[in-house]
Amino acid sequence: MITPESEDGEPLFRQRVSGRISAGSYSNFSDYQNTHRMRYAFLFRGQNLSNSRFSTDNYITFRHTLNEWDEVKENLGRALKVYSLSVSYDFDSTSNLTLGRKINPRMSSVGAIDGLQYEKGFGHFTVGAIAGSRPDFSDYGFNPGLMQAGAYVGFAVGEGADFQQTTFGFIEQRNKAKVDRRFVYFQHMQELLNNLNLFSSFEVDLYENINNEAHSALRLANLLVSLRYRLSRNLRFSASYDNRKNIIYYESYKSFIDRLIEDETRQGLRLGASYRPFKTIVLGANASWRFQKSDLNLSRNLNAYLNFSRLPMLNARVSLTANFLQTNFLNSRIFGARISKDIIRRKLDGELYYRKVHYQYKSNETTIGQDIAGASLSLNLMKNLALYLYYEGTFDDKVPGAAPVQ
């Protein structure tokens, strides 16, 4: 492989690589059935391999349940997930071409793009184009029928606290041969004032085809505005408004109540604050409110926490949390405690946690109480090899049982 050099003989590009290979088993024991899921993951990012013009970005997982191999043979896409698989070529320090599946950081909320992406810089300005398809909605596989193409222009200036970046783009998406959607995309980030940071993105639909009905009126979609303000070294505030579409999870090992809180609190208005009264103590709270004119999808959430980065005598990290959620169909409250400690410095780390969960369905007045307890050990076997053991038990006052063990 030929390594390009600058005029002074130094490599024009420098290699930076990182990677990880992991294998895990997730065993679930309950009164209904016992299941054993296997998961294998491969992550590799190589920037300018061997100081060349070529780079690669790969993140692939494969998961299956023991004794249920027929499901894998029926649809490989349910087990094999390719989140990133691309190769890039740098023509020079300002232009590059990418082939494969990759999320464009200048248009991150658009999601993964399967196909070609080209980018060229002109001073503070950058122009780019994409051509390819979108991943399949059902299993995140390759679907050439969901074609898309677009172009964008970006502007970036400053460094550090003075850095700001803006992207404006146009994208057309198709479903087979028919135009499915046309929209413009905007993303901007900067420090507005001293210690006041802004991130915003939105899409404006120019054309939509929903159930074979075409709509060409302008419509604001997928709006996100986020502000972070550091009043002092110890006091910080945040505020955001999010009306982006719901996220599709193709892999998740979160409990029911964790997924529920995440789904019910991501959209809407969110306010937060954190205060560090002492070097090792941080306390904070954030509140979210999702609202609509009809109040059909209303939710309110309050989350508070108290963190100790080093507890005296025990030399351990401790976190106390409380969460209160109210929706149109369910109310919940959760209290939790977590403690973690280096048992053997840089070699063995352990963690214990407990959560008391109570939620009530409004439709039938059903109440459920749960005690969730867990423990984990992380052992560094060698410099680049670690073993992680995890157990979590869920004890339900309606249907006693335990789950999951990893």
Protein backbone atom coordinates (compact mmCIF):
# COMPACT_ATOMS: atom_id res chain seq x y z
CA MET A 1 0.00 0.00 0.00
CA ILE A 2 1.40 3.38 -1.03
CA THR A 3 1.58 5.91 1.83
CA PRO A 4 1.11 9.54 0.68
CA GLU A 5 3.61 12.02 2.05
CA SER A 6 3.62 15.78 2.52
CA GLU A 7 6.38 18.00 1.15
CA ASP A 8 8.52 17.64 4.30
CA GLY A 9 8.42 13.84 4.10
CA GLU A 10 5.92 13.34 6.92
CA PRO A 11 2.84 11.14 6.24
CA LEU A 12 -0.03 13.18 4.85
CA PHE A 13 -2.49 11.00 6.79
CA ARG A 14 -2.00 9.32 10.16
CA GLN A 15 -3.57 6.05 11.20
CA ARG A 16 -5.97 5.90 14.16
CA VAL A 17 -7.66 2.59 14.93
CA SER A 18 -9.91 1.21 17.65
CA GLY A 19 -11.87 -2.01 17.92
CA ARG A 20 -13.74 -4.41 20.14
CA ILE A 21 -14.98 -7.98 19.93
CA SER A 22 -17.47 -9.22 22.50
CA ALA A 23 -19.54 -12.32 23.23
CA GLY A 24 -22.28 -12.49 25.83
CA SER A 25 -25.06 -14.74 27.07
CA TYR A 26 -28.33 -13.43 28.48
CA SER A 27 -30.29 -16.03 30.42
CA ASN A 28 -33.82 -15.32 31.60
CA PHE A 29 -35.42 -17.48 34.31
CA SER A 30 -39.11 -17.07 35.14
CA ASP A 31 -42.22 -19.02 36.04
CA TYR A 32 -43.26 -18.99 32.38
CA GLN A 33 -40.15 -20.18 30.59
CA ASN A 34 -36.38 -20.08 30.60
CA THR A 35 -34.60 -18.51 27.65
CA HIS A 36 -30.92 -18.22 26.80
CA ARG A 37 -29.92 -15.55 24.30
CA MET A 38 -26.48 -15.26 22.76
CA ARG A 39 -25.03 -12.01 21.41
CA TYR A 40 -21.81 -11.42 19.48
CA ALA A 41 -20.55 -7.97 18.47
CA PHE A 42 -17.76 -6.68 16.27
CA LEU A 43 -16.69 -3.02 16.31
CA PHE A 44 -13.78 -1.64 14.32
CA ARG A 45 -12.94 1.92 13.29
CA GLY A 46 -9.83 2.54 11.27
CA GLN A 47 -8.92 6.07 10.23
CA ASN A 48 -6.37 6.25 7.39
CA LEU A 49 -5.25 2.62 7.61
CA SER A 50 -1.46 2.28 7.42
CA ASN A 51 -1.31 6.08 6.94
CA SER A 52 -3.14 5.65 3.62
CA ARG A 53 -6.15 7.40 2.14
CA PHE A 54 -8.50 4.54 3.12
CA SER A 55 -10.65 4.41 6.28
CA THR A 56 -13.32 2.00 7.50
CA ASP A 57 -16.15 2.01 10.05
CA ASN A 58 -17.83 -1.26 11.11
CA TYR A 59 -20.31 -2.20 13.82
CA ILE A 60 -22.04 -5.58 13.42
CA THR A 61 -23.96 -7.74 15.90
CA PHE A 62 -25.44 -11.24 15.74
CA ARG A 63 -27.89 -12.55 18.33
CA HIS A 64 -30.04 -15.64 18.65
CA THR A 65 -31.90 -17.68 21.24
CA LEU A 66 -30.74 -21.21 21.97
CA ASN A 67 -33.00 -23.93 20.53
CA GLU A 68 -34.73 -21.37 18.29
CA TRP A 69 -32.44 -21.50 15.26
CA ASP A 70 -35.41 -21.81 12.89
CA GLU A 71 -36.20 -18.13 13.49
CA VAL A 72 -32.71 -17.21 12.30
CA LYS A 73 -33.05 -19.31 9.14
CA GLU A 74 -36.47 -17.84 8.47
CA ASN A 75 -35.19 -14.24 8.57
CA LEU A 76 -31.45 -13.68 9.01
CA GLY A 77 -32.06 -9.93 9.35
CA ARG A 78 -33.71 -10.39 12.74
CA ALA A 79 -30.50 -11.86 14.13
CA LEU A 80 -27.81 -10.06 12.11
CA LYS A 81 -27.70 -6.30 12.55
CA VAL A 82 -25.31 -4.17 10.51
CA TYR A 83 -25.32 -0.72 12.11
CA SER A 84 -22.27 0.50 10.21
CA LEU A 85 -20.26 -1.02 7.38
CA SER A 86 -18.37 1.42 5.18
CA VAL A 87 -15.09 2.27 3.53
CA SER A 88 -13.93 5.82 2.80
CA TYR A 89 -11.29 7.28 0.49
CA ASP A 90 -9.65 10.67 1.09
CA PHE A 91 -8.81 12.41 -2.19
CA ASP A 92 -7.03 15.05 -0.13
CA SER A 93 -7.41 16.67 3.28
CA THR A 94 -10.64 18.41 2.22
CA SER A 95 -12.57 15.82 0.18
CA ASN A 96 -13.61 12.19 0.62
CA LEU A 97 -15.94 9.53 -0.75
CA THR A 98 -17.70 6.92 1.42
CA LEU A 99 -19.30 3.68 0.21
CA GLY A 100 -21.53 1.51 2.42
CA ARG A 101 -23.73 2.12 5.46
CA LYS A 102 -22.85 5.08 7.64
CA ILE A 103 -24.51 7.90 9.58
CA ASN A 104 -23.42 11.32 8.33
CA PRO A 105 -22.51 13.46 11.39
CA ARG A 106 -23.61 16.60 9.55
CA MET A 107 -27.10 15.09 9.11
CA SER A 108 -27.21 12.74 12.07
CA SER A 109 -30.98 12.70 12.64
CA VAL A 110 -31.54 11.49 9.05
CA GLY A 111 -30.15 8.12 10.19
CA ALA A 112 -27.99 5.58 8.41
CA ILE A 113 -27.41 5.98 4.67
CA ASP A 114 -26.76 2.95 2.44
CA GLY A 115 -24.82 3.98 -0.66
CA LEU A 116 -22.46 6.79 -1.62
CA GLN A 117 -21.59 9.94 0.31
CA TYR A 118 -19.26 12.61 -1.05
CA GLU A 119 -17.97 15.66 0.77
CA LYS A 120 -15.71 18.57 -0.28
CA GLY A 121 -14.45 21.46 1.84
CA PHE A 122 -13.83 25.04 0.71
CA GLY A 123 -12.37 26.96 3.63
CA HIS A 124 -15.12 27.32 6.23
CA PHE A 125 -17.70 25.84 3.83
CA THR A 126 -18.43 22.20 3.04
CA VAL A 127 -20.66 20.78 0.29
CA GLY A 128 -21.79 17.20 0.11
CA ALA A 129 -24.11 14.79 -1.64
CA ILE A 130 -25.69 11.42 -0.78
CA ALA A 131 -27.19 8.76 -3.05
CA GLY A 132 -28.46 5.37 -2.00
CA SER A 133 -31.22 3.94 0.13
CA ARG A 134 -32.60 3.76 3.66
CA PRO A 135 -32.46 0.69 5.92
CA ASP A 136 -35.58 -1.46 6.03
CA PHE A 137 -37.95 -0.40 8.81
CA SER A 138 -38.81 -3.95 9.88
CA ASP A 139 -35.36 -5.44 10.48
CA TYR A 140 -32.81 -2.70 9.59
CA GLY A 141 -31.66 -4.71 6.61
CA PHE A 142 -30.69 -3.48 3.15
CA ASN A 143 -33.73 -2.40 1.10
CA PRO A 144 -32.94 -1.03 -2.39
CA GLY A 145 -36.60 -0.08 -2.81
CA LEU A 146 -36.26 2.75 -0.28
CA MET A 147 -34.10 5.00 -2.43
CA GLN A 148 -32.96 8.44 -1.32
CA ALA A 149 -30.72 11.19 -2.63
CA GLY A 150 -29.82 14.68 -1.53
CA ALA A 151 -27.27 17.42 -1.13
CA TYR A 152 -26.17 19.71 1.68
CA VAL A 153 -23.96 22.67 2.43
CA GLY A 154 -22.25 23.25 5.76
CA PHE A 155 -20.45 26.10 7.46
CA ALA A 156 -18.03 25.74 10.37
CA VAL A 157 -15.88 28.36 12.06
CA GLY A 158 -13.96 28.80 15.29
CA GLU A 159 -12.40 26.36 17.74
CA GLY A 160 -13.12 25.22 21.28
CA ALA A 161 -15.74 27.38 22.98
CA ASP A 162 -16.02 29.59 19.86
CA PHE A 163 -16.83 26.68 17.52
CA GLN A 164 -20.08 26.79 15.56
CA GLN A 165 -21.38 24.56 12.80
CA THR A 166 -24.42 24.81 10.52
CA THR A 167 -25.77 22.36 7.93
CA PHE A 168 -28.59 22.92 5.43
CA GLY A 169 -29.68 20.16 3.08
CA PHE A 170 -32.35 18.85 0.73
CA ILE A 171 -33.36 15.16 0.53
CA GLU A 172 -35.82 13.21 -1.62
CA GLN A 173 -36.89 9.76 -0.46
CA ARG A 174 -38.73 7.18 -2.56
CA ASN A 175 -40.70 4.00 -1.90
CA LYS A 176 -39.93 1.84 -4.92
CA ALA A 177 -40.51 4.14 -7.92
CA LYS A 178 -42.82 6.67 -6.24
CA VAL A 179 -41.69 9.79 -4.40
CA ASP A 180 -42.39 9.21 -0.72
CA ARG A 181 -41.07 12.41 0.83
CA ARG A 182 -39.15 15.59 0.04
CA PHE A 183 -37.82 17.74 2.86
CA VAL A 184 -35.16 20.25 3.83
CA TYR A 185 -32.89 19.62 6.79
CA PHE A 186 -31.27 22.12 9.15
CA GLN A 187 -28.76 21.54 11.96
CA HIS A 188 -26.89 24.15 13.98
CA MET A 189 -24.67 24.21 17.07
CA GLN A 190 -22.78 27.03 18.75
CA GLU A 191 -22.04 28.87 22.00
CA LEU A 192 -24.54 31.75 22.00
CA LEU A 193 -23.13 33.53 25.03
CA ASN A 194 -20.44 32.75 27.54
CA ASN A 195 -21.17 29.19 28.79
CA LEU A 196 -24.54 29.07 26.95
CA ASN A 197 -24.54 26.31 24.30
CA LEU A 198 -27.20 25.68 21.65
CA PHE A 199 -27.95 22.64 19.51
CA SER A 200 -30.91 22.63 17.13
CA SER A 201 -32.16 20.60 14.20
CA PHE A 202 -35.39 20.40 12.29
CA GLU A 203 -36.91 19.16 9.05
CA VAL A 204 -39.51 20.90 6.90
CA ASP A 205 -41.59 18.60 4.70
CA LEU A 206 -42.09 19.91 1.17
CA TYR A 207 -43.92 16.84 -0.13
CA GLU A 208 -45.40 13.71 1.46
CA ASN A 209 -47.23 10.69 0.12
CA ILE A 210 -49.26 9.10 2.92
CA ASN A 211 -51.62 6.23 2.02
CA ASN A 212 -51.40 7.27 -1.65
CA GLU A 213 -52.49 10.82 -0.80
CA ALA A 214 -50.01 13.52 -1.84
CA HIS A 215 -49.47 16.57 0.39
CA SER A 216 -47.30 19.49 -0.70
CA ALA A 217 -47.97 22.01 2.09
CA LEU A 218 -44.98 23.05 4.20
CA ARG A 219 -44.91 21.23 7.55
CA LEU A 220 -42.37 21.48 10.36
CA ALA A 221 -41.20 18.03 11.46
CA ASN A 222 -38.62 16.49 13.78
CA LEU A 223 -37.77 19.61 15.74
CA LEU A 224 -35.12 19.54 18.47
CA VAL A 225 -33.82 22.58 20.36
CA SER A 226 -31.43 22.12 23.28
CA LEU A 227 -29.80 24.72 25.54
CA ARG A 228 -27.13 24.10 28.18
CA TYR A 229 -25.97 26.84 30.54
CA ARG A 230 -23.13 26.66 33.07
CA LEU A 231 -23.77 29.42 35.60
CA SER A 232 -20.68 28.48 37.56
CA ARG A 233 -18.30 25.59 37.96
CA ASN A 234 -20.77 23.91 40.32
CA LEU A 235 -24.18 24.91 38.93
CA ARG A 236 -25.60 23.96 35.52
CA PHE A 237 -28.99 24.25 33.82
CA SER A 238 -30.48 22.71 30.70
CA ALA A 239 -33.66 23.08 28.66
CA SER A 240 -34.85 21.32 25.52
CA TYR A 241 -37.88 20.80 23.34
CA ASP A 242 -38.18 17.64 21.24
CA ASN A 243 -40.96 16.59 18.87
CA ARG A 244 -38.97 14.10 16.80
CA LYS A 245 -40.60 10.85 15.78
CA ASN A 246 -40.43 7.85 18.07
CA ILE A 247 -37.23 5.82 17.95
CA ILE A 248 -37.34 2.21 16.71
CA TYR A 249 -35.20 -0.13 18.85
CA TYR A 250 -33.95 -3.22 17.01
CA GLU A 251 -32.06 -4.32 20.13
CA SER A 252 -32.90 -3.55 23.74
CA TYR A 253 -32.27 -5.29 27.03
CA LYS A 254 -33.94 -2.67 29.19
CA SER A 255 -36.75 -3.58 31.57
CA PHE A 256 -40.37 -2.70 30.82
CA ILE A 257 -40.44 0.26 33.17
CA ASP A 258 -37.14 1.68 31.80
CA ARG A 259 -38.40 1.46 28.21
CA LEU A 260 -41.68 3.04 29.26
CA ILE A 261 -40.01 6.02 30.96
CA GLU A 262 -37.71 6.54 27.96
CA ASP A 263 -40.59 6.42 25.47
CA GLU A 264 -42.84 8.70 27.52
CA THR A 265 -40.26 11.36 28.35
CA ARG A 266 -38.13 11.77 25.21
CA GLN A 267 -40.63 14.04 23.44
CA GLY A 268 -41.87 17.36 24.80
CA LEU A 269 -40.37 20.03 27.03
CA ARG A 270 -37.54 19.11 29.41
CA LEU A 271 -35.90 21.23 32.12
CA GLY A 272 -32.95 20.20 34.25
CA ALA A 273 -30.49 21.45 36.85
CA SER A 274 -27.49 20.05 38.68
CA TYR A 275 -25.52 21.42 41.63
CA ARG A 276 -22.22 20.34 43.12
CA PRO A 277 -22.16 21.62 46.73
CA PHE A 278 -18.97 19.68 47.47
CA LYS A 279 -16.24 18.14 45.32
CA THR A 280 -17.60 14.59 45.63
CA ILE A 281 -21.37 15.30 45.74
CA VAL A 282 -23.73 16.18 42.89
CA LEU A 283 -27.47 16.58 43.26
CA GLY A 284 -29.87 17.33 40.47
CA ALA A 285 -33.33 17.03 38.99
CA ASN A 286 -35.00 17.16 35.62
CA ALA A 287 -38.64 17.42 34.67
CA SER A 288 -40.35 16.71 31.37
CA TRP A 289 -43.79 17.51 30.04
CA ARG A 290 -45.24 16.11 26.82
CA PHE A 291 -48.35 17.96 25.71
CA GLN A 292 -50.76 18.07 22.77
CA LYS A 293 -53.85 20.10 22.02
CA SER A 294 -56.08 17.06 22.53
CA ASP A 295 -54.20 15.86 25.66
CA LEU A 296 -54.48 12.31 24.27
CA ASN A 297 -50.76 11.65 24.71
CA LEU A 298 -50.02 13.67 27.83
CA SER A 299 -47.15 12.72 30.14
CA ARG A 300 -45.37 14.32 33.08
CA ASN A 301 -42.14 13.11 34.62
CA LEU A 302 -39.91 14.18 37.50
CA ASN A 303 -36.52 12.61 38.13
CA ALA A 304 -34.18 13.48 41.02
CA TYR A 305 -30.73 12.11 41.89
CA LEU A 306 -27.96 12.41 44.45
CA ASN A 307 -24.50 11.14 43.47
CA PHE A 308 -21.43 10.56 45.64
CA SER A 309 -18.30 10.09 43.53
CA ARG A 310 -16.39 8.86 46.58
CA LEU A 311 -18.12 7.81 49.78
CA PRO A 312 -15.84 8.24 52.84
CA MET A 313 -14.49 5.09 54.49
CA LEU A 314 -15.98 2.78 51.83
CA ASN A 315 -14.18 4.61 49.01
CA ALA A 316 -17.13 3.72 46.77
CA ARG A 317 -19.42 5.48 44.30
CA VAL A 318 -23.05 5.79 45.39
CA SER A 319 -26.13 7.02 43.53
CA LEU A 320 -29.67 7.57 44.89
CA THR A 321 -32.56 8.20 42.47
CA ALA A 322 -36.30 8.85 42.52
CA ASN A 323 -38.58 8.95 39.47
CA PHE A 324 -42.28 9.86 39.18
CA LEU A 325 -44.16 9.35 35.92
CA GLN A 326 -47.76 10.22 35.06
CA THR A 327 -49.40 9.40 31.71
CA ASN A 328 -52.95 9.01 30.44
CA PHE A 329 -52.86 5.26 31.01
CA LEU A 330 -50.31 4.68 33.79
CA ASN A 331 -48.76 6.22 36.90
CA SER A 332 -45.46 5.01 38.33
CA ARG A 333 -42.90 5.79 41.00
CA ILE A 334 -39.42 4.31 41.32
CA PHE A 335 -36.83 4.63 44.08
CA GLY A 336 -33.33 3.29 43.56
CA ALA A 337 -29.86 2.98 45.05
CA ARG A 338 -26.62 1.93 43.38
CA ILE A 339 -23.13 1.40 44.82
CA SER A 340 -19.97 0.55 42.87
CA LYS A 341 -16.39 0.05 44.00
CA ASP A 342 -12.95 -0.91 42.75
CA ILE A 343 -12.43 -4.18 44.61
CA ILE A 344 -8.95 -4.62 43.16
CA ARG A 345 -7.66 -1.39 41.63
CA ARG A 346 -7.61 -1.49 37.83
CA LYS A 347 -8.35 -5.21 37.97
CA LEU A 348 -11.76 -6.00 39.50
CA ASP A 349 -14.78 -3.69 39.78
CA GLY A 350 -18.10 -4.57 41.46
CA GLU A 351 -21.56 -3.04 41.62
CA LEU A 352 -24.80 -3.59 43.55
CA TYR A 353 -28.15 -1.90 42.98
CA TYR A 354 -31.76 -2.06 44.12
CA ARG A 355 -34.96 -0.44 42.85
CA LYS A 356 -38.43 -0.32 44.33
CA VAL A 357 -41.02 0.01 41.55
CA HIS A 358 -44.73 0.70 41.77
CA TYR A 359 -47.03 1.40 38.83
CA GLN A 360 -50.78 1.50 38.32
CA TYR A 361 -52.83 1.13 35.14
CA LYS A 362 -55.69 3.63 35.03
CA SER A 363 -57.91 1.57 32.74
CA ASN A 364 -58.55 -1.26 35.20
CA GLU A 365 -57.01 0.10 38.44
CA THR A 366 -54.44 -2.72 38.38
CA THR A 367 -51.44 -2.01 40.61
CA ILE A 368 -48.11 -3.80 40.35
CA GLY A 369 -45.19 -3.65 42.76
CA GLN A 370 -41.71 -4.87 41.91
CA ASP A 371 -38.41 -5.27 43.70
CA ILE A 372 -35.48 -5.21 41.28
CA ALA A 373 -32.03 -6.17 42.52
CA GLY A 374 -28.83 -6.59 40.57
CA ALA A 375 -25.11 -7.15 40.86
CA SER A 376 -22.19 -7.12 38.45
CA LEU A 377 -18.47 -7.86 38.33
CA SER A 378 -16.00 -6.59 35.76
CA LEU A 379 -12.63 -8.36 35.60
CA ASN A 380 -9.73 -7.18 33.44
CA LEU A 381 -8.07 -10.44 32.44
CA MET A 382 -5.46 -8.79 30.25
CA LYS A 383 -4.74 -5.36 28.79
CA ASN A 384 -7.30 -5.80 26.00
CA LEU A 385 -9.49 -8.59 27.41
CA ALA A 386 -12.22 -8.23 30.05
CA LEU A 387 -14.91 -10.48 31.53
CA TYR A 388 -18.24 -9.00 32.62
CA LEU A 389 -20.78 -10.87 34.79
CA TYR A 390 -24.21 -9.44 35.49
CA TYR A 391 -27.31 -10.57 37.39
CA GLU A 392 -30.68 -8.91 37.75
CA GLY A 393 -33.71 -10.32 39.56
CA THR A 394 -37.24 -8.92 39.25
CA PHE A 395 -39.63 -9.98 41.97
CA ASP A 396 -43.25 -9.18 41.12
CA ASP A 397 -45.98 -9.09 43.75
CA LYS A 398 -48.48 -10.30 41.11
CA VAL A 399 -46.42 -13.00 39.41
CA PRO A 400 -43.35 -13.95 41.47
CA GLY A 401 -40.24 -14.68 39.46
CA ALA A 402 -36.77 -13.54 38.56
CA ALA A 403 -35.09 -12.26 35.41
CA PRO A 404 -32.55 -11.81 33.61
CA VAL A 405 -29.10 -13.27 34.28
CA GLN A 406 -26.13 -12.40 32.08
